[in-house]
Amino acid sequence: MRRTVSAAIIAIVLGLTLRNTMRLPGSIRAGCKRAVRKLIPIAIVCTGAGMNLKALAAIGVPAFFITMVCIVVAISGSFYIGRLIGLSRKTSLLLGAGTGICGNSAIVAVAPLIDAGDDDVALSVGAVNLFGLVTMLALPAIGGFLAMSDEAFGIWSGTSIHAVPQVVAAGFAFSPAAGATATLVKLVRVTLLAPLVFVLAIVHAKQSPADAKGAPTLAIHYARFVPWFVWGFGALALLNTFGMIPTLDFALTGLSGDAAPQSVALAATLKLIGKILLTIAMAAIGLEINVRQLAGVGARAITAGFITSTILAVASLALIKLLI
């Protein structure tokens, strides 16, 4: 089936082209970082207005099982592959967290808990961003070639692509239904960052120096384990599932004095707002990415990232073929 290219994919490709063919002022790059940080969470929340959780009930358990297996595959695979080819233990673990959970967010969350250095963070962030971008652009084309269903592709992209914006863009590039499923599956992965960080935080807190009263000096902020936009997405999805997002009815009075009845479906409006914000954010992400810098990431980190990303995508696809 022939599929159109989504506005989000076009936006990020245009942004990439401009960023890597023109010299842009630093203020634009700084503005893009702020735009991505602020717009992506709002876009994800708005996407919840188009989610019907009842329609996903049939694939809930298999999708969750695939997600869990893929996280284990990504983290363990990255760790052992990284160590095998000479990466440090900390870089390998950060690379696994970023690949298996949610890209940069997981790396930033895990890094202080294992006392990772700047080099460890830089190597893992570079490799995860590089292959997250590659999978985001490649998977929709591969999924179309394999004639995957919307459901199957949503699970595949949601379990295989690294960062939340990349998953959302790839899913909606395939189809709206695939985008909704991919977003839900990815947000499940994001929430699973909480137990990972929780375990690392407890271990690291117990190992950290104690203060004069014998309490660990490392503060653990439990409320921050699950990002706010996950709750927002879930709330709107529940409201939409039970038909509780209203349609606004009103009348517009024209020049002749006649009142014309109008109605606006709030759920559809929120979905549209989410698509617009996502497209803007994708353009901003493209304007942030310096391909030369990504390509300049250490060869060992690139090798580990490539092997891990490939194993993750193949394992996810095999499980989908088996269970979905």
C-alpha atoms as a PDB file:
ATOM      1  CA  MET A   1       0.000   0.000   0.000  1.00  0.00           C
ATOM      2  CA  ARG A   2       1.384   3.390  -0.939  1.00  0.00           C
ATOM      3  CA  ARG A   3       1.804   5.713   2.015  1.00  0.00           C
ATOM      4  CA  THR A   4       2.212   9.462   2.127  1.00  0.00           C
ATOM      5  CA  VAL A   5       5.149  11.079   3.885  1.00  0.00           C
ATOM      6  CA  SER A   6       4.066  12.816   7.084  1.00  0.00           C
ATOM      7  CA  ALA A   7       4.617  16.510   7.708  1.00  0.00           C
ATOM      8  CA  ALA A   8       6.767  15.611  10.741  1.00  0.00           C
ATOM      9  CA  ILE A   9       9.242  13.622   8.626  1.00  0.00           C
ATOM     10  CA  ILE A  10       9.386  16.387   6.003  1.00  0.00           C
ATOM     11  CA  ALA A  11       9.969  18.939   8.771  1.00  0.00           C
ATOM     12  CA  ILE A  12      12.888  17.078  10.346  1.00  0.00           C
ATOM     13  CA  VAL A  13      14.514  16.407   6.948  1.00  0.00           C
ATOM     14  CA  LEU A  14      14.228  20.087   6.023  1.00  0.00           C
ATOM     15  CA  GLY A  15      15.626  21.071   9.408  1.00  0.00           C
ATOM     16  CA  LEU A  16      18.530  18.635   9.002  1.00  0.00           C
ATOM     17  CA  THR A  17      19.264  20.002   5.546  1.00  0.00           C
ATOM     18  CA  LEU A  18      19.297  23.611   6.708  1.00  0.00           C
ATOM     19  CA  ARG A  19      21.387  22.828   9.807  1.00  0.00           C
ATOM     20  CA  ASN A  20      24.056  20.982   7.847  1.00  0.00           C
ATOM     21  CA  THR A  21      24.240  23.180   4.739  1.00  0.00           C
ATOM     22  CA  MET A  22      24.028  26.640   6.286  1.00  0.00           C
ATOM     23  CA  ARG A  23      25.714  28.376   9.183  1.00  0.00           C
ATOM     24  CA  LEU A  24      22.983  29.190  11.687  1.00  0.00           C
ATOM     25  CA  PRO A  25      23.388  31.584  14.617  1.00  0.00           C
ATOM     26  CA  GLY A  26      23.628  30.119  18.082  1.00  0.00           C
ATOM     27  CA  SER A  27      20.407  31.825  19.120  1.00  0.00           C
ATOM     28  CA  ILE A  28      18.440  29.672  16.652  1.00  0.00           C
ATOM     29  CA  ARG A  29      19.936  26.452  18.017  1.00  0.00           C
ATOM     30  CA  ALA A  30      19.217  27.573  21.594  1.00  0.00           C
ATOM     31  CA  GLY A  31      15.642  28.413  20.618  1.00  0.00           C
ATOM     32  CA  CYS A  32      15.244  24.995  19.015  1.00  0.00           C
ATOM     33  CA  LYS A  33      16.307  23.277  22.234  1.00  0.00           C
ATOM     34  CA  ARG A  34      13.699  25.226  24.186  1.00  0.00           C
ATOM     35  CA  ALA A  35      11.038  24.503  21.565  1.00  0.00           C
ATOM     36  CA  VAL A  36      11.665  20.760  21.649  1.00  0.00           C
ATOM     37  CA  ARG A  37      11.683  20.654  25.441  1.00  0.00           C
ATOM     38  CA  LYS A  38       8.377  22.532  25.697  1.00  0.00           C
ATOM     39  CA  LEU A  39       6.416  21.397  22.631  1.00  0.00           C
ATOM     40  CA  ILE A  40       6.998  17.641  22.597  1.00  0.00           C
ATOM     41  CA  PRO A  41       5.366  16.991  26.005  1.00  0.00           C
ATOM     42  CA  ILE A  42       2.319  19.083  25.040  1.00  0.00           C
ATOM     43  CA  ALA A  43       2.062  17.284  21.684  1.00  0.00           C
ATOM     44  CA  ILE A  44       2.140  13.918  23.451  1.00  0.00           C
ATOM     45  CA  VAL A  45      -0.595  14.955  25.864  1.00  0.00           C
ATOM     46  CA  CYS A  46      -2.768  16.129  22.955  1.00  0.00           C
ATOM     47  CA  THR A  47      -2.202  12.792  21.211  1.00  0.00           C
ATOM     48  CA  GLY A  48      -3.980  11.101  24.102  1.00  0.00           C
ATOM     49  CA  ALA A  49      -7.229  12.705  22.919  1.00  0.00           C
ATOM     50  CA  GLY A  50      -7.168  10.386  19.901  1.00  0.00           C
ATOM     51  CA  MET A  51      -6.444   7.212  21.853  1.00  0.00           C
ATOM     52  CA  ASN A  52      -9.136   4.632  22.570  1.00  0.00           C
ATOM     53  CA  LEU A  53      -7.747   2.260  25.161  1.00  0.00           C
ATOM     54  CA  LYS A  54     -10.538  -0.275  24.567  1.00  0.00           C
ATOM     55  CA  ALA A  55      -9.300  -0.837  21.018  1.00  0.00           C
ATOM     56  CA  LEU A  56      -5.856  -1.686  22.400  1.00  0.00           C
ATOM     57  CA  ALA A  57      -7.076  -4.093  25.068  1.00  0.00           C
ATOM     58  CA  ALA A  58      -6.617  -7.101  22.771  1.00  0.00           C
ATOM     59  CA  ILE A  59      -2.922  -6.371  22.215  1.00  0.00           C
ATOM     60  CA  GLY A  60      -2.187  -5.063  25.708  1.00  0.00           C
ATOM     61  CA  VAL A  61      -0.535  -8.120  27.232  1.00  0.00           C
ATOM     62  CA  PRO A  62       1.485  -9.181  24.147  1.00  0.00           C
ATOM     63  CA  ALA A  63       2.625  -5.583  23.560  1.00  0.00           C
ATOM     64  CA  PHE A  64       3.679  -5.200  27.193  1.00  0.00           C
ATOM     65  CA  PHE A  65       5.556  -8.504  27.084  1.00  0.00           C
ATOM     66  CA  ILE A  66       7.355  -7.467  23.884  1.00  0.00           C
ATOM     67  CA  THR A  67       8.227  -4.121  25.478  1.00  0.00           C
ATOM     68  CA  MET A  68       9.702  -5.763  28.568  1.00  0.00           C
ATOM     69  CA  VAL A  69      11.733  -8.264  26.543  1.00  0.00           C
ATOM     70  CA  CYS A  70      13.048  -5.518  24.267  1.00  0.00           C
ATOM     71  CA  ILE A  71      14.187  -3.411  27.219  1.00  0.00           C
ATOM     72  CA  VAL A  72      16.094  -6.365  28.655  1.00  0.00           C
ATOM     73  CA  VAL A  73      17.590  -7.151  25.231  1.00  0.00           C
ATOM     74  CA  ALA A  74      18.682  -3.541  24.705  1.00  0.00           C
ATOM     75  CA  ILE A  75      20.241  -2.977  28.122  1.00  0.00           C
ATOM     76  CA  SER A  76      21.936  -6.363  28.474  1.00  0.00           C
ATOM     77  CA  GLY A  77      22.969  -6.466  24.811  1.00  0.00           C
ATOM     78  CA  SER A  78      24.447  -2.991  24.886  1.00  0.00           C
ATOM     79  CA  PHE A  79      26.300  -3.672  28.116  1.00  0.00           C
ATOM     80  CA  TYR A  80      27.916  -6.917  27.005  1.00  0.00           C
ATOM     81  CA  ILE A  81      28.595  -5.769  23.441  1.00  0.00           C
ATOM     82  CA  GLY A  82      30.110  -2.547  24.720  1.00  0.00           C
ATOM     83  CA  ARG A  83      32.356  -4.357  27.159  1.00  0.00           C
ATOM     84  CA  LEU A  84      33.335  -6.877  24.482  1.00  0.00           C
ATOM     85  CA  ILE A  85      34.578  -4.165  22.104  1.00  0.00           C
ATOM     86  CA  GLY A  86      36.313  -2.131  24.781  1.00  0.00           C
ATOM     87  CA  LEU A  87      33.804   0.493  25.960  1.00  0.00           C
ATOM     88  CA  SER A  88      33.822   1.377  29.636  1.00  0.00           C
ATOM     89  CA  ARG A  89      31.259  -0.204  31.930  1.00  0.00           C
ATOM     90  CA  LYS A  90      29.538   3.148  32.504  1.00  0.00           C
ATOM     91  CA  THR A  91      29.330   4.081  28.819  1.00  0.00           C
ATOM     92  CA  SER A  92      27.959   0.635  28.008  1.00  0.00           C
ATOM     93  CA  LEU A  93      25.281   0.923  30.686  1.00  0.00           C
ATOM     94  CA  LEU A  94      24.286   4.437  29.593  1.00  0.00           C
ATOM     95  CA  LEU A  95      24.091   3.308  25.973  1.00  0.00           C
ATOM     96  CA  GLY A  96      21.816   0.449  27.019  1.00  0.00           C
ATOM     97  CA  ALA A  97      19.558   2.726  29.066  1.00  0.00           C
ATOM     98  CA  GLY A  98      19.227   5.205  26.207  1.00  0.00           C
ATOM     99  CA  THR A  99      18.562   2.497  23.629  1.00  0.00           C
ATOM    100  CA  GLY A 100      16.202   0.460  25.763  1.00  0.00           C
ATOM    101  CA  ILE A 101      14.159   3.132  27.545  1.00  0.00           C
ATOM    102  CA  CYS A 102      13.902   6.665  26.226  1.00  0.00           C
ATOM    103  CA  GLY A 103      17.051   8.092  24.654  1.00  0.00           C
ATOM    104  CA  ASN A 104      18.699  11.137  26.212  1.00  0.00           C
ATOM    105  CA  SER A 105      16.231  11.288  29.111  1.00  0.00           C
ATOM    106  CA  ALA A 106      17.270   7.849  30.336  1.00  0.00           C
ATOM    107  CA  ILE A 107      20.955   8.663  29.926  1.00  0.00           C
ATOM    108  CA  VAL A 108      20.600  11.912  31.868  1.00  0.00           C
ATOM    109  CA  ALA A 109      18.613  10.138  34.601  1.00  0.00           C
ATOM    110  CA  VAL A 110      21.026   7.230  34.977  1.00  0.00           C
ATOM    111  CA  ALA A 111      24.361   9.064  34.580  1.00  0.00           C
ATOM    112  CA  PRO A 112      24.571  10.646  38.062  1.00  0.00           C
ATOM    113  CA  LEU A 113      23.499   7.406  39.703  1.00  0.00           C
ATOM    114  CA  ILE A 114      26.519   5.512  38.374  1.00  0.00           C
ATOM    115  CA  ASP A 115      28.927   8.470  38.657  1.00  0.00           C
ATOM    116  CA  ALA A 116      29.356   8.604  34.884  1.00  0.00           C
ATOM    117  CA  GLY A 117      31.770  11.185  33.516  1.00  0.00           C
ATOM    118  CA  ASP A 118      31.203  13.716  30.763  1.00  0.00           C
ATOM    119  CA  ASP A 119      32.923  11.469  28.230  1.00  0.00           C
ATOM    120  CA  ASP A 120      30.613   8.574  29.094  1.00  0.00           C
ATOM    121  CA  VAL A 121      27.556  10.792  28.655  1.00  0.00           C
ATOM    122  CA  ALA A 122      28.817  12.362  25.419  1.00  0.00           C
ATOM    123  CA  LEU A 123      29.607   9.015  23.802  1.00  0.00           C
ATOM    124  CA  SER A 124      26.292   7.425  24.749  1.00  0.00           C
ATOM    125  CA  VAL A 125      24.194  10.472  23.804  1.00  0.00           C
ATOM    126  CA  GLY A 126      25.908  10.746  20.428  1.00  0.00           C
ATOM    127  CA  ALA A 127      25.439   7.070  19.559  1.00  0.00           C
ATOM    128  CA  VAL A 128      21.823   6.931  20.776  1.00  0.00           C
ATOM    129  CA  ASN A 129      20.875  10.097  18.867  1.00  0.00           C
ATOM    130  CA  LEU A 130      22.547   8.861  15.699  1.00  0.00           C
ATOM    131  CA  PHE A 131      20.791   5.505  15.587  1.00  0.00           C
ATOM    132  CA  GLY A 132      17.533   6.887  16.930  1.00  0.00           C
ATOM    133  CA  LEU A 133      17.494   9.208  13.929  1.00  0.00           C
ATOM    134  CA  VAL A 134      18.416   6.383  11.540  1.00  0.00           C
ATOM    135  CA  THR A 135      15.672   4.067  12.832  1.00  0.00           C
ATOM    136  CA  MET A 136      13.113   6.893  12.818  1.00  0.00           C
ATOM    137  CA  LEU A 137      13.701   7.493   9.112  1.00  0.00           C
ATOM    138  CA  ALA A 138      14.184   3.849   8.109  1.00  0.00           C
ATOM    139  CA  LEU A 139      11.442   1.960   9.944  1.00  0.00           C
ATOM    140  CA  PRO A 140       8.401   3.514   8.192  1.00  0.00           C
ATOM    141  CA  ALA A 141       9.879   2.566   4.809  1.00  0.00           C
ATOM    142  CA  ILE A 142      10.759  -0.942   5.996  1.00  0.00           C
ATOM    143  CA  GLY A 143       7.341  -1.372   7.579  1.00  0.00           C
ATOM    144  CA  GLY A 144       5.662  -0.394   4.323  1.00  0.00           C
ATOM    145  CA  PHE A 145       7.863  -2.803   2.360  1.00  0.00           C
ATOM    146  CA  LEU A 146       6.932  -5.610   4.777  1.00  0.00           C
ATOM    147  CA  ALA A 147       3.231  -4.662   4.474  1.00  0.00           C
ATOM    148  CA  MET A 148       2.932  -4.468   8.264  1.00  0.00           C
ATOM    149  CA  SER A 149      -0.425  -3.683   9.828  1.00  0.00           C
ATOM    150  CA  ASP A 150      -0.882  -0.403  11.701  1.00  0.00           C
ATOM    151  CA  GLU A 151      -0.996  -2.304  14.978  1.00  0.00           C
ATOM    152  CA  ALA A 152       2.172  -4.267  14.292  1.00  0.00           C
ATOM    153  CA  PHE A 153       4.137  -1.260  13.087  1.00  0.00           C
ATOM    154  CA  GLY A 154       3.023   0.803  16.078  1.00  0.00           C
ATOM    155  CA  ILE A 155       4.393  -1.835  18.438  1.00  0.00           C
ATOM    156  CA  TRP A 156       7.572  -2.240  16.375  1.00  0.00           C
ATOM    157  CA  SER A 157       8.406   1.448  16.299  1.00  0.00           C
ATOM    158  CA  GLY A 158       7.316   1.913  19.917  1.00  0.00           C
ATOM    159  CA  THR A 159       9.704  -0.795  21.107  1.00  0.00           C
ATOM    160  CA  SER A 160      12.612  -0.240  18.687  1.00  0.00           C
ATOM    161  CA  ILE A 161      13.139   3.515  18.299  1.00  0.00           C
ATOM    162  CA  HIS A 162      15.008   5.289  21.051  1.00  0.00           C
ATOM    163  CA  ALA A 163      13.539   8.721  21.886  1.00  0.00           C
ATOM    164  CA  VAL A 164       9.892   9.720  22.367  1.00  0.00           C
ATOM    165  CA  PRO A 165       9.781  12.347  19.570  1.00  0.00           C
ATOM    166  CA  GLN A 166      11.370   9.900  17.137  1.00  0.00           C
ATOM    167  CA  VAL A 167       8.795   7.216  17.951  1.00  0.00           C
ATOM    168  CA  VAL A 168       5.886   9.633  17.556  1.00  0.00           C
ATOM    169  CA  ALA A 169       7.216  10.931  14.232  1.00  0.00           C
ATOM    170  CA  ALA A 170       7.862   7.454  12.805  1.00  0.00           C
ATOM    171  CA  GLY A 171       4.517   6.090  13.979  1.00  0.00           C
ATOM    172  CA  PHE A 172       2.460   8.893  12.467  1.00  0.00           C
ATOM    173  CA  ALA A 173       4.582   8.775   9.315  1.00  0.00           C
ATOM    174  CA  PHE A 174       3.203   5.256   8.825  1.00  0.00           C
ATOM    175  CA  SER A 175      -0.431   6.028   9.726  1.00  0.00           C
ATOM    176  CA  PRO A 176      -2.494   7.791  12.408  1.00  0.00           C
ATOM    177  CA  ALA A 177      -3.471   4.444  13.957  1.00  0.00           C
ATOM    178  CA  ALA A 178       0.142   3.278  14.035  1.00  0.00           C
ATOM    179  CA  GLY A 179       1.162   6.597  15.559  1.00  0.00           C
ATOM    180  CA  ALA A 180      -1.358   6.254  18.372  1.00  0.00           C
ATOM    181  CA  THR A 181      -0.201   2.705  19.165  1.00  0.00           C
ATOM    182  CA  ALA A 182       3.472   3.643  18.927  1.00  0.00           C
ATOM    183  CA  THR A 183       2.981   6.565  21.307  1.00  0.00           C
ATOM    184  CA  LEU A 184       1.237   4.379  23.874  1.00  0.00           C
ATOM    185  CA  VAL A 185       3.868   1.638  23.686  1.00  0.00           C
ATOM    186  CA  LYS A 186       6.693   4.163  23.942  1.00  0.00           C
ATOM    187  CA  LEU A 187       5.138   5.828  26.970  1.00  0.00           C
ATOM    188  CA  VAL A 188       4.994   2.418  28.631  1.00  0.00           C
ATOM    189  CA  ARG A 189       8.750   2.227  28.020  1.00  0.00           C
ATOM    190  CA  VAL A 190       9.144   5.701  29.531  1.00  0.00           C
ATOM    191  CA  THR A 191       7.301   4.700  32.699  1.00  0.00           C
ATOM    192  CA  LEU A 192       9.602   1.690  33.014  1.00  0.00           C
ATOM    193  CA  LEU A 193      12.462   4.142  33.473  1.00  0.00           C
ATOM    194  CA  ALA A 194      11.050   4.616  36.975  1.00  0.00           C
ATOM    195  CA  PRO A 195      11.862   1.123  38.325  1.00  0.00           C
ATOM    196  CA  LEU A 196      15.270   1.186  36.616  1.00  0.00           C
ATOM    197  CA  VAL A 197      16.169   4.553  38.150  1.00  0.00           C
ATOM    198  CA  PHE A 198      14.600   3.490  41.453  1.00  0.00           C
ATOM    199  CA  VAL A 199      16.869   0.456  41.772  1.00  0.00           C
ATOM    200  CA  LEU A 200      19.967   2.411  40.737  1.00  0.00           C
ATOM    201  CA  ALA A 201      19.044   5.277  43.064  1.00  0.00           C
ATOM    202  CA  ILE A 202      18.611   2.973  46.058  1.00  0.00           C
ATOM    203  CA  VAL A 203      21.878   1.163  45.365  1.00  0.00           C
ATOM    204  CA  HIS A 204      23.798   4.374  44.772  1.00  0.00           C
ATOM    205  CA  ALA A 205      22.226   6.127  47.778  1.00  0.00           C
ATOM    206  CA  LYS A 206      23.307   3.303  50.053  1.00  0.00           C
ATOM    207  CA  GLN A 207      26.825   3.481  48.637  1.00  0.00           C
ATOM    208  CA  SER A 208      27.068   7.290  48.847  1.00  0.00           C
ATOM    209  CA  PRO A 209      28.763   9.004  51.812  1.00  0.00           C
ATOM    210  CA  ALA A 210      26.490   9.614  54.818  1.00  0.00           C
ATOM    211  CA  ASP A 211      26.025  12.973  56.509  1.00  0.00           C
ATOM    212  CA  ALA A 212      26.637  13.692  60.193  1.00  0.00           C
ATOM    213  CA  LYS A 213      23.319  12.056  61.139  1.00  0.00           C
ATOM    214  CA  GLY A 214      24.075   8.908  59.149  1.00  0.00           C
ATOM    215  CA  ALA A 215      21.636   9.643  56.329  1.00  0.00           C
ATOM    216  CA  PRO A 216      22.718   9.313  52.674  1.00  0.00           C
ATOM    217  CA  THR A 217      23.697  12.623  51.095  1.00  0.00           C
ATOM    218  CA  LEU A 218      22.007  11.707  47.810  1.00  0.00           C
ATOM    219  CA  ALA A 219      18.387  12.889  47.643  1.00  0.00           C
ATOM    220  CA  ILE A 220      15.962  10.615  45.788  1.00  0.00           C
ATOM    221  CA  HIS A 221      13.042  12.457  44.180  1.00  0.00           C
ATOM    222  CA  TYR A 222      10.458   9.720  43.739  1.00  0.00           C
ATOM    223  CA  ALA A 223       7.820  12.052  42.251  1.00  0.00           C
ATOM    224  CA  ARG A 224      10.081  12.784  39.270  1.00  0.00           C
ATOM    225  CA  PHE A 225      10.414   9.180  38.135  1.00  0.00           C
ATOM    226  CA  VAL A 226       7.393   9.415  35.780  1.00  0.00           C
ATOM    227  CA  PRO A 227       7.285  12.560  33.575  1.00  0.00           C
ATOM    228  CA  TRP A 228       4.167  14.721  33.872  1.00  0.00           C
ATOM    229  CA  PHE A 229       3.246  14.299  30.210  1.00  0.00           C
ATOM    230  CA  VAL A 230       2.753  10.557  30.750  1.00  0.00           C
ATOM    231  CA  TRP A 231       0.006  11.348  33.267  1.00  0.00           C
ATOM    232  CA  GLY A 232      -1.507  13.919  30.906  1.00  0.00           C
ATOM    233  CA  PHE A 233      -1.515  11.488  28.000  1.00  0.00           C
ATOM    234  CA  GLY A 234      -3.140   8.813  30.146  1.00  0.00           C
ATOM    235  CA  ALA A 235      -5.805  11.180  31.475  1.00  0.00           C
ATOM    236  CA  LEU A 236      -6.885  12.332  28.011  1.00  0.00           C
ATOM    237  CA  ALA A 237      -6.802   8.763  26.687  1.00  0.00           C
ATOM    238  CA  LEU A 238      -9.115   7.648  29.493  1.00  0.00           C
ATOM    239  CA  LEU A 239     -11.474  10.575  28.922  1.00  0.00           C
ATOM    240  CA  ASN A 240     -11.617   9.820  25.196  1.00  0.00           C
ATOM    241  CA  THR A 241     -12.086   6.100  25.787  1.00  0.00           C
ATOM    242  CA  PHE A 242     -15.209   6.755  27.867  1.00  0.00           C
ATOM    243  CA  GLY A 243     -16.513   9.498  25.572  1.00  0.00           C
ATOM    244  CA  MET A 244     -16.008  12.254  28.113  1.00  0.00           C
ATOM    245  CA  ILE A 245     -14.264  14.782  25.842  1.00  0.00           C
ATOM    246  CA  PRO A 246     -17.112  17.072  24.784  1.00  0.00           C
ATOM    247  CA  THR A 247     -18.140  18.550  21.468  1.00  0.00           C
ATOM    248  CA  LEU A 248     -18.550  22.305  21.717  1.00  0.00           C
ATOM    249  CA  ASP A 249     -21.797  23.620  20.193  1.00  0.00           C
ATOM    250  CA  PHE A 250     -22.349  27.331  19.520  1.00  0.00           C
ATOM    251  CA  ALA A 251     -23.920  29.671  17.031  1.00  0.00           C
ATOM    252  CA  LEU A 252     -22.256  32.292  14.832  1.00  0.00           C
ATOM    253  CA  THR A 253     -24.306  35.314  13.907  1.00  0.00           C
ATOM    254  CA  GLY A 254     -23.634  36.625  10.390  1.00  0.00           C
ATOM    255  CA  LEU A 255     -24.125  40.084   8.917  1.00  0.00           C
ATOM    256  CA  SER A 256     -27.737  39.233   8.069  1.00  0.00           C
ATOM    257  CA  GLY A 257     -28.461  38.491  11.716  1.00  0.00           C
ATOM    258  CA  ASP A 258     -29.046  34.784  11.140  1.00  0.00           C
ATOM    259  CA  ALA A 259     -27.424  32.453  13.682  1.00  0.00           C
ATOM    260  CA  ALA A 260     -25.639  29.500  12.058  1.00  0.00           C
ATOM    261  CA  PRO A 261     -25.140  26.496  14.376  1.00  0.00           C
ATOM    262  CA  GLN A 262     -21.529  25.329  14.657  1.00  0.00           C
ATOM    263  CA  SER A 263     -19.854  22.486  16.493  1.00  0.00           C
ATOM    264  CA  VAL A 264     -16.233  21.706  17.286  1.00  0.00           C
ATOM    265  CA  ALA A 265     -15.140  18.224  18.353  1.00  0.00           C
ATOM    266  CA  LEU A 266     -12.663  18.957  21.122  1.00  0.00           C
ATOM    267  CA  ALA A 267     -10.924  15.579  20.780  1.00  0.00           C
ATOM    268  CA  ALA A 268     -10.280  16.124  17.060  1.00  0.00           C
ATOM    269  CA  THR A 269      -9.084  19.665  17.761  1.00  0.00           C
ATOM    270  CA  LEU A 270      -6.610  18.450  20.374  1.00  0.00           C
ATOM    271  CA  LYS A 271      -5.309  15.810  17.951  1.00  0.00           C
ATOM    272  CA  LEU A 272      -4.785  18.494  15.305  1.00  0.00           C
ATOM    273  CA  ILE A 273      -2.975  20.734  17.782  1.00  0.00           C
ATOM    274  CA  GLY A 274      -0.745  17.800  18.698  1.00  0.00           C
ATOM    275  CA  LYS A 275       0.139  17.183  15.038  1.00  0.00           C
ATOM    276  CA  ILE A 276       0.976  20.846  14.494  1.00  0.00           C
ATOM    277  CA  LEU A 277       3.157  21.015  17.610  1.00  0.00           C
ATOM    278  CA  LEU A 278       4.870  17.757  16.646  1.00  0.00           C
ATOM    279  CA  THR A 279       5.689  19.088  13.180  1.00  0.00           C
ATOM    280  CA  ILE A 280       7.177  22.279  14.659  1.00  0.00           C
ATOM    281  CA  ALA A 281       9.180  20.263  17.179  1.00  0.00           C
ATOM    282  CA  MET A 282      10.501  17.930  14.471  1.00  0.00           C
ATOM    283  CA  ALA A 283      11.739  20.906  12.470  1.00  0.00           C
ATOM    284  CA  ALA A 284      13.451  22.178  15.624  1.00  0.00           C
ATOM    285  CA  ILE A 285      15.071  18.774  16.222  1.00  0.00           C
ATOM    286  CA  GLY A 286      16.364  18.778  12.655  1.00  0.00           C
ATOM    287  CA  LEU A 287      17.840  22.230  13.165  1.00  0.00           C
ATOM    288  CA  GLU A 288      19.636  20.952  16.279  1.00  0.00           C
ATOM    289  CA  ILE A 289      21.347  17.938  14.704  1.00  0.00           C
ATOM    290  CA  ASN A 290      24.879  18.323  13.439  1.00  0.00           C
ATOM    291  CA  VAL A 291      25.525  15.204  11.342  1.00  0.00           C
ATOM    292  CA  ARG A 292      29.295  15.717  11.427  1.00  0.00           C
ATOM    293  CA  GLN A 293      29.296  15.779  15.213  1.00  0.00           C
ATOM    294  CA  LEU A 294      27.177  12.636  15.388  1.00  0.00           C
ATOM    295  CA  ALA A 295      29.440  10.909  12.917  1.00  0.00           C
ATOM    296  CA  GLY A 296      32.390  11.982  15.037  1.00  0.00           C
ATOM    297  CA  VAL A 297      31.247   9.894  18.009  1.00  0.00           C
ATOM    298  CA  GLY A 298      33.831   7.302  18.988  1.00  0.00           C
ATOM    299  CA  ALA A 299      34.007   4.332  16.639  1.00  0.00           C
ATOM    300  CA  ARG A 300      33.464   1.855  19.468  1.00  0.00           C
ATOM    301  CA  ALA A 301      30.333   3.662  20.667  1.00  0.00           C
ATOM    302  CA  ILE A 302      28.989   3.787  17.093  1.00  0.00           C
ATOM    303  CA  THR A 303      29.703   0.080  16.657  1.00  0.00           C
ATOM    304  CA  ALA A 304      27.984  -0.831  19.922  1.00  0.00           C
ATOM    305  CA  GLY A 305      25.040   1.456  19.126  1.00  0.00           C
ATOM    306  CA  PHE A 306      24.609  -0.007  15.642  1.00  0.00           C
ATOM    307  CA  ILE A 307      24.756  -3.626  16.791  1.00  0.00           C
ATOM    308  CA  THR A 308      22.424  -3.019  19.728  1.00  0.00           C
ATOM    309  CA  SER A 309      19.889  -1.052  17.652  1.00  0.00           C
ATOM    310  CA  THR A 310      19.881  -3.767  14.987  1.00  0.00           C
ATOM    311  CA  ILE A 311      19.450  -6.561  17.514  1.00  0.00           C
ATOM    312  CA  LEU A 312      16.642  -4.627  19.209  1.00  0.00           C
ATOM    313  CA  ALA A 313      14.743  -4.020  15.954  1.00  0.00           C
ATOM    314  CA  VAL A 314      15.130  -7.641  14.810  1.00  0.00           C
ATOM    315  CA  ALA A 315      14.138  -9.058  18.213  1.00  0.00           C
ATOM    316  CA  SER A 316      11.072  -6.811  18.375  1.00  0.00           C
ATOM    317  CA  LEU A 317      10.019  -7.733  14.822  1.00  0.00           C
ATOM    318  CA  ALA A 318      10.452 -11.458  15.533  1.00  0.00           C
ATOM    319  CA  LEU A 319       8.332 -11.227  18.700  1.00  0.00           C
ATOM    320  CA  ILE A 320       5.632  -9.282  16.845  1.00  0.00           C
ATOM    321  CA  LYS A 321       5.499 -11.934  14.120  1.00  0.00           C
ATOM    322  CA  LEU A 322       5.238 -14.591  16.805  1.00  0.00           C
ATOM    323  CA  LEU A 323       2.739 -12.989  19.192  1.00  0.00           C
ATOM    324  CA  ILE A 324       0.671 -10.370  17.333  1.00  0.00           C
END
